[in-house]
Amino acid sequence: MRYFLSVIIFIPALLSAASPPHWYTRNKHTIQKIYDLTVFPTNARIISEGASAVPDGLFNINATGRVTPLGEFFGFQDSIEYFFGLAPLPSGVPPNGAFINATLVQFTSGCPEVAASTVYFTVNTINPDNTPGPFITALKQTAFWRFDRHGAVIEYEAWIPSLDRFASAINGVDFYGPESMNGTIQGICGQQAQTCVGNNTVYNGVEDCIATLSAKPFGRLDEAWGDNVVCRSIHVLLTKFRPEVHCAHVGPTGGGKCIDVEYNDVFFNDELLFGSSRKPFNCKNWDW
C-alpha cells in the first residue's frame, strides 16, 4: 500500500517537472524573435532593407491581422511593415528614445496553432554611440497569435493601450499641445517631401502639405483610424518601405487608409479580415 501511494504521489511530480511540448517552445521563440527585431539598432536594418532583412519562418506569406488602434494588415508585407517599420528610431540631437528591449511578461500556448502574449517594450534615450541612455517610458502590447503548420504566424489580433500617454512620455511634451501638434504636421510634411517624389508625389510642396493637414482634425493615437493628422503620422513612417502604397495614405484623400471609418466596419469585420467565420484563435480541436 505504501508503494502504491508513493507512485501516486510521484506521478504528479514527474508531470510537473516535464518539459513543455516542442510547439510551446517553438511558438514562444517565434514571438520573442519578432519582438526582438523591433529593438534598436536591429530594427534599423529592417527599416533600411525591408522584407529581405526579415528572417524566414516568422510570418507566413499570407499573414493577416488587426492591431488596435492602428489598423488592419493584409499579407506578409503589410505585417512586417507594421511590426518593424513603426518601431521608433532615435533622431535629433541628442537622439531621442527607442526600444532597448522587449520582454515577454505573459505567454501561453495551449495547442500548436494558438498562443497569447503580453510584451513590455522598454524605451530609453539613445546616446550618440548608439548605447542606451536613461529610461524614458514603456509600451505594452497584448496579442493573440495563430500559427501555420510550420510554426510561422499566419493570423494575429493585437492591442496597444494608452498610445496617447505613451506619445507624450516618449516625446517629453504634451503630444496634443499646440506646439507639438504643429511640429507633428511639419514633420509629416518634411518627411513625405523626401520619400513621396516622382510618381508618388501627393502634395504641391511642403507648404501645400502643411496647409492641407492644418485644416484637418488632428485625431488621437488611441483611435488612429480616420481622416486626420495622427493617421498620417503613422503612415508617413511606412513610406520608407513602399512609397507607391503609403504616400497616398499621407496625401489629401488618405488613400483609402487615413479615412473616416465606421466603428462596426473595422473592429468586428473578422470574416473579411481572417477569411471565414471561424474563430481563428481557438484551438481547432476544442469546442468553446
Protein backbone atom coordinates (compact mmCIF):
# COMPACT_ATOMS: atom_id res chain seq x y z
CA MET A 1 0.00 0.00 0.00
CA ARG A 2 2.86 2.37 0.85
CA TYR A 3 4.48 1.63 -2.52
CA PHE A 4 1.17 2.31 -4.34
CA LEU A 5 0.72 5.65 -2.57
CA SER A 6 4.32 6.60 -3.35
CA VAL A 7 3.68 6.02 -7.05
CA ILE A 8 0.53 8.14 -6.96
CA ILE A 9 2.44 10.97 -5.29
CA PHE A 10 5.44 10.58 -7.61
CA ILE A 11 3.46 10.74 -10.90
CA PRO A 12 2.27 14.38 -10.46
CA ALA A 13 5.85 15.33 -9.56
CA LEU A 14 7.07 13.82 -12.81
CA LEU A 15 4.38 15.62 -14.79
CA SER A 16 5.14 18.96 -13.20
CA ALA A 17 8.85 18.55 -13.97
CA ALA A 18 8.26 17.60 -17.60
CA SER A 19 9.47 19.95 -20.31
CA PRO A 20 6.83 21.91 -22.25
CA PRO A 21 5.80 20.48 -25.63
CA HIS A 22 8.11 21.34 -28.51
CA TRP A 23 5.43 23.51 -30.13
CA TYR A 24 5.09 25.59 -26.96
CA THR A 25 8.81 26.37 -27.03
CA ARG A 26 8.69 26.96 -30.79
CA ASN A 27 5.76 29.39 -30.55
CA LYS A 28 7.33 31.31 -27.68
CA HIS A 29 10.62 31.57 -29.55
CA THR A 30 8.84 32.88 -32.67
CA ILE A 31 7.00 35.61 -30.78
CA GLN A 32 10.08 36.63 -28.82
CA LYS A 33 12.11 36.77 -32.05
CA ILE A 34 9.51 39.01 -33.72
CA TYR A 35 9.61 41.43 -30.81
CA ASP A 36 13.41 41.30 -30.55
CA LEU A 37 13.59 42.57 -34.12
CA THR A 38 11.82 45.79 -33.04
CA VAL A 39 14.72 46.64 -30.71
CA PHE A 40 17.23 49.27 -31.79
CA PRO A 41 19.58 49.01 -33.67
CA THR A 42 18.26 45.71 -35.11
CA ASN A 43 15.07 47.39 -36.33
CA ALA A 44 17.11 49.98 -38.24
CA ARG A 45 18.38 47.30 -40.63
CA ILE A 46 14.86 46.08 -41.42
CA ILE A 47 13.62 49.63 -41.94
CA SER A 48 16.55 50.21 -44.28
CA GLU A 49 16.49 46.93 -46.20
CA GLY A 50 12.84 45.90 -45.99
CA ALA A 51 11.50 42.36 -46.31
CA SER A 52 14.86 40.87 -47.29
CA ALA A 53 16.15 41.56 -43.76
CA VAL A 54 13.30 39.67 -42.05
CA PRO A 55 14.34 36.12 -41.10
CA ASP A 56 12.43 33.24 -42.66
CA GLY A 57 9.84 31.39 -40.63
CA LEU A 58 8.44 34.25 -38.56
CA PHE A 59 5.49 35.35 -40.73
CA ASN A 60 3.55 33.32 -43.26
CA ILE A 61 3.34 34.94 -46.70
CA ASN A 62 -0.40 35.42 -46.06
CA ALA A 63 -0.03 36.75 -42.50
CA THR A 64 -3.01 38.95 -41.71
CA GLY A 65 -4.25 40.70 -38.61
CA ARG A 66 -5.57 43.68 -36.71
CA VAL A 67 -3.64 45.91 -34.34
CA THR A 68 -5.94 48.19 -32.39
CA PRO A 69 -5.88 51.18 -32.59
CA LEU A 70 -3.59 51.33 -35.64
CA GLY A 71 -5.33 49.33 -38.35
CA GLU A 72 -5.68 46.08 -40.27
CA PHE A 73 -2.84 44.49 -42.19
CA PHE A 74 -3.17 42.09 -45.12
CA GLY A 75 -0.30 39.84 -46.12
CA PHE A 76 3.39 39.49 -45.28
CA GLN A 77 4.48 42.93 -46.46
CA ASP A 78 1.76 44.78 -44.55
CA SER A 79 2.54 42.77 -41.42
CA ILE A 80 6.29 43.28 -41.36
CA GLU A 81 5.87 46.98 -42.09
CA TYR A 82 3.70 47.35 -39.01
CA PHE A 83 5.79 45.23 -36.67
CA PHE A 84 9.16 46.61 -37.68
CA GLY A 85 8.56 49.82 -39.63
CA LEU A 86 6.79 51.58 -36.77
CA ALA A 87 9.35 50.69 -34.10
CA PRO A 88 10.96 54.01 -33.10
CA LEU A 89 14.36 55.10 -34.35
CA PRO A 90 16.42 57.66 -32.44
CA SER A 91 16.52 61.09 -34.04
CA GLY A 92 17.54 64.60 -33.14
CA VAL A 93 20.45 65.89 -31.07
CA PRO A 94 20.76 64.35 -28.57
CA PRO A 95 18.98 61.29 -30.02
CA ASN A 96 15.56 60.59 -28.52
CA GLY A 97 14.14 57.24 -27.46
CA ALA A 98 13.98 53.77 -28.99
CA PHE A 99 13.16 50.27 -27.77
CA ILE A 100 16.17 48.79 -25.97
CA ASN A 101 14.48 45.50 -25.07
CA ALA A 102 11.21 43.63 -25.47
CA THR A 103 10.24 41.39 -22.55
CA LEU A 104 7.50 38.76 -22.76
CA VAL A 105 5.86 39.18 -19.38
CA GLN A 106 2.98 36.82 -20.22
CA PHE A 107 2.90 33.88 -22.62
CA THR A 108 0.73 30.82 -23.02
CA SER A 109 0.15 28.31 -25.79
CA GLY A 110 -2.39 25.57 -25.19
CA CYS A 111 -2.06 23.91 -28.60
CA PRO A 112 0.33 24.03 -31.57
CA GLU A 113 -1.65 26.58 -33.57
CA VAL A 114 -2.59 29.25 -30.97
CA ALA A 115 -0.79 31.40 -28.41
CA ALA A 116 -1.36 34.58 -26.40
CA SER A 117 1.21 37.02 -25.11
CA THR A 118 1.89 40.35 -23.46
CA VAL A 119 5.12 42.20 -24.14
CA TYR A 120 6.65 45.24 -22.45
CA PHE A 121 8.89 47.40 -24.62
CA THR A 122 11.42 49.42 -22.63
CA VAL A 123 12.19 52.83 -24.12
CA ASN A 124 15.45 54.60 -23.30
CA THR A 125 17.23 57.54 -24.79
CA ILE A 126 19.98 56.57 -27.22
CA ASN A 127 23.46 58.01 -26.86
CA PRO A 128 25.40 59.27 -29.89
CA ASP A 129 27.38 55.99 -29.89
CA ASN A 130 24.07 54.03 -30.06
CA THR A 131 24.31 52.76 -26.48
CA PRO A 132 21.22 53.09 -24.24
CA GLY A 133 20.86 56.21 -22.15
CA PRO A 134 18.40 56.86 -19.32
CA PHE A 135 15.00 55.17 -19.14
CA ILE A 136 12.08 57.17 -20.56
CA THR A 137 8.95 55.01 -20.52
CA ALA A 138 7.50 51.67 -21.63
CA LEU A 139 4.91 50.42 -24.10
CA LYS A 140 2.65 47.39 -23.75
CA GLN A 141 1.11 45.10 -26.35
CA THR A 142 -1.20 42.14 -25.77
CA ALA A 143 -1.87 39.75 -28.65
CA PHE A 144 -3.42 36.51 -29.83
CA TRP A 145 -1.46 34.56 -32.44
CA ARG A 146 -2.26 31.75 -34.85
CA PHE A 147 0.50 29.71 -36.48
CA ASP A 148 0.64 27.67 -39.65
CA ARG A 149 1.79 24.04 -39.60
CA HIS A 150 5.41 25.17 -39.94
CA GLY A 151 5.17 27.49 -36.91
CA ALA A 152 5.03 30.82 -38.75
CA VAL A 153 2.47 33.45 -37.72
CA ILE A 154 -0.48 33.48 -40.11
CA GLU A 155 -3.05 35.50 -38.11
CA TYR A 156 -2.87 37.91 -35.19
CA GLU A 157 -5.13 40.16 -33.12
CA ALA A 158 -3.24 42.70 -31.00
CA TRP A 159 -3.99 45.71 -28.83
CA ILE A 160 -1.78 48.58 -27.66
CA PRO A 161 -3.29 50.51 -24.74
CA SER A 162 -2.66 54.16 -23.85
CA LEU A 163 -0.84 55.27 -27.01
CA ASP A 164 -1.89 58.85 -26.27
CA ARG A 165 0.02 58.88 -22.99
CA PHE A 166 2.93 56.95 -24.48
CA ALA A 167 3.38 59.58 -27.22
CA SER A 168 3.62 62.34 -24.64
CA ALA A 169 6.01 60.31 -22.46
CA ILE A 170 8.42 59.40 -25.24
CA ASN A 171 8.47 62.96 -26.61
CA GLY A 172 8.73 64.62 -23.22
CA VAL A 173 5.94 67.09 -24.05
CA ASP A 174 2.18 67.06 -24.34
CA PHE A 175 1.67 65.40 -27.73
CA TYR A 176 -1.61 67.29 -28.08
CA GLY A 177 -0.28 70.70 -27.14
CA PRO A 178 -0.42 73.36 -29.90
CA GLU A 179 3.35 73.47 -30.39
CA SER A 180 3.66 69.69 -30.57
CA MET A 181 0.74 69.34 -32.98
CA ASN A 182 2.26 71.96 -35.25
CA GLY A 183 5.60 70.16 -35.06
CA THR A 184 3.93 66.86 -35.99
CA ILE A 185 2.39 68.40 -39.10
CA GLN A 186 5.68 69.95 -40.14
CA GLY A 187 7.47 66.65 -39.53
CA ILE A 188 4.99 64.71 -41.69
CA CYS A 189 5.24 67.23 -44.50
CA GLY A 190 9.01 67.38 -44.40
CA GLN A 191 9.40 63.61 -44.42
CA GLN A 192 6.88 62.96 -47.19
CA ALA A 193 8.69 65.53 -49.33
CA GLN A 194 11.75 63.26 -49.18
CA THR A 195 10.05 59.90 -49.77
CA CYS A 196 6.99 60.79 -51.86
CA VAL A 197 8.63 62.00 -55.06
CA GLY A 198 8.14 61.45 -58.77
CA ASN A 199 5.05 59.37 -59.47
CA ASN A 200 4.43 59.15 -55.72
CA THR A 201 4.12 62.92 -55.20
CA VAL A 202 0.93 63.77 -53.30
CA TYR A 203 1.35 67.48 -52.45
CA ASN A 204 2.48 70.56 -54.34
CA GLY A 205 5.33 71.15 -51.95
CA VAL A 206 5.75 71.28 -48.18
CA GLU A 207 3.64 74.40 -47.74
CA ASP A 208 0.70 72.81 -49.56
CA CYS A 209 1.01 69.79 -47.28
CA ILE A 210 1.10 71.94 -44.13
CA ALA A 211 -1.94 73.94 -45.23
CA THR A 212 -3.91 70.79 -46.10
CA LEU A 213 -3.13 68.95 -42.86
CA SER A 214 -3.64 72.04 -40.70
CA ALA A 215 -7.24 72.13 -41.96
CA LYS A 216 -7.88 68.51 -40.92
CA PRO A 217 -8.71 67.17 -37.44
CA PHE A 218 -5.55 66.27 -35.55
CA GLY A 219 -7.03 62.99 -34.23
CA ARG A 220 -5.95 60.75 -31.34
CA LEU A 221 -3.45 57.91 -31.29
CA ASP A 222 -5.87 55.87 -29.21
CA GLU A 223 -8.19 55.92 -32.24
CA ALA A 224 -5.79 56.37 -35.13
CA TRP A 225 -8.15 55.28 -37.93
CA GLY A 226 -9.53 58.42 -39.53
CA ASP A 227 -9.03 61.27 -41.95
CA ASN A 228 -6.72 63.06 -39.56
CA VAL A 229 -3.13 64.08 -38.92
CA VAL A 230 -2.34 61.28 -36.46
CA CYS A 231 -3.13 58.57 -39.00
CA ARG A 232 -0.80 60.25 -41.49
CA SER A 233 1.94 60.49 -38.86
CA ILE A 234 1.90 56.68 -38.76
CA HIS A 235 1.77 56.07 -42.49
CA VAL A 236 4.49 58.58 -43.32
CA LEU A 237 6.89 56.28 -41.47
CA LEU A 238 5.91 53.47 -43.82
CA THR A 239 6.64 55.48 -46.95
CA LYS A 240 10.25 54.34 -46.48
CA PHE A 241 9.11 50.79 -47.27
CA ARG A 242 6.66 51.24 -50.13
CA PRO A 243 6.18 54.85 -51.21
CA GLU A 244 3.96 53.68 -54.06
CA VAL A 245 1.48 52.41 -51.44
CA HIS A 246 1.83 54.63 -48.39
CA CYS A 247 2.32 58.07 -49.95
CA ALA A 248 -1.34 58.03 -50.97
CA HIS A 249 -2.26 57.39 -47.32
CA VAL A 250 -0.35 60.51 -46.29
CA GLY A 251 -1.92 62.56 -49.10
CA PRO A 252 -5.01 64.78 -49.05
CA THR A 253 -7.55 61.97 -49.57
CA GLY A 254 -5.98 59.43 -47.20
CA GLY A 255 -5.69 56.86 -49.99
CA GLY A 256 -8.29 54.51 -48.54
CA LYS A 257 -6.39 54.14 -45.22
CA CYS A 258 -6.47 57.50 -43.46
CA ILE A 259 -10.18 57.92 -43.94
CA ASP A 260 -13.11 58.12 -41.55
CA VAL A 261 -14.44 54.63 -40.85
CA GLU A 262 -17.47 53.15 -39.15
CA TYR A 263 -16.83 51.51 -35.80
CA ASN A 264 -18.63 48.31 -36.80
CA ASP A 265 -16.73 48.11 -40.07
CA VAL A 266 -13.22 47.92 -38.63
CA PHE A 267 -13.42 46.37 -35.18
CA PHE A 268 -15.74 43.44 -35.92
CA ASN A 269 -15.12 42.51 -39.56
CA ASP A 270 -13.40 39.25 -38.63
CA GLU A 271 -14.84 37.33 -41.55
CA LEU A 272 -13.38 39.79 -44.04
CA LEU A 273 -10.07 40.03 -42.22
CA PHE A 274 -9.48 36.37 -41.46
CA GLY A 275 -11.23 34.94 -44.50
CA SER A 276 -14.01 32.95 -42.82
CA SER A 277 -16.49 32.97 -39.97
CA ARG A 278 -14.43 30.57 -37.87
CA LYS A 279 -12.83 31.56 -34.56
CA PRO A 280 -9.15 31.81 -35.52
CA PHE A 281 -7.69 31.95 -32.01
CA ASN A 282 -9.39 28.85 -30.62
CA CYS A 283 -7.53 25.58 -30.66
CA LYS A 284 -9.03 23.74 -33.62
CA ASN A 285 -9.95 20.58 -31.72
CA TRP A 286 -11.58 22.40 -28.83
CA ASP A 287 -15.24 23.36 -28.93
CA TRP A 288 -15.88 26.51 -26.94
